[in-house]
Amino acid sequence: MTASGFILERDVLKTLKPYPLYYPCSGRDYLDAIRLFAPHITEFFFVDWSYFQRKPADQVKPILQHKPAYQLIDVEFSEGPLSAITEWRIDPDTGRSYRWIEPCRRSERYIHVPSSQEIVIHRRRGSGASGLKKLIQQLGIFYYRGDSSEGSNLLWLRVNTRKHKRGKRFLFDEVLDRIVDNGLIVTDGSNCPYGEYHEFARFHATHDEISGEEAMRSATSFTDCRGFSYRCVGYAGHRYGPTLIWQVSRPD
């Protein structure tokens, strides 16, 4: 299917409806993910340290308030204080100090009027890594783009191939542990310059120098050392280069 500059092979979402989309380090980049995947995907998690810093969670505007296709049903709050509370803590294993922020989740429930499908959109203040481990058991779509890692220091796609093959775990392993067969990785290759996932970053920082169609045609399928296979099935706009959609086949 093609809409508003997006490209997606038919039927790739057919089995993913029961599973959420998870987007760490998302900032204000919500709408493309919702526009492309809702209402086929019915639950979205957007996670960032910056949420509810300037305003408490009950005072921010609904994400889809100006979208007539969506009717807001209710808003719920969970996990922590509505206003941000930060402090410096010491890691007992390393002795290093790190900034801690109390998490808070704002969950907006909508009806997609044309289809009568209910969807839930979560914004969570806090770490994308802890949110994934705490909130997600099975994952349909991992969405990650436009991130320089400044402030979060979470390099989601940066995997040292040699250490990976020797059994060291990286953040991306947490994603692979949860993603379902035929799930999707949607990325522009941010923070992924080397290693076995370099194909994700092949067009990183090319901006508008290459079209989505050209990037899809040039993207090469590959299999990683864990036996997961990746095939490019779509295009989700530009951030730091074209954002490509990869379908993941789990090892047998």
Foldseek 3Di string as FASTA:
>chain_A
DDDPQKFFDPPLLVPPQVFEEEEEPCPLPDDLVCVVCPPSHFEYEYEEQPPQAVHFQVPDDDNCPPPVQKDWDDKDKDQDGRYKDKDWDADPVPRDIDIFIRKMKIKIWIQRNVVRGIHIYIYMNGASLVCLVPPAQAHQEYEYEQDQCVPRVAQQQADDAVVVLVPDDHNVVSVVNHYDFQGKYKYCQHNHCDHPVNLSPPFFQVFPVDGFVRNLVPRDWDAGPQGKTWHWGIWRQDRRGTTTMITIGHHD
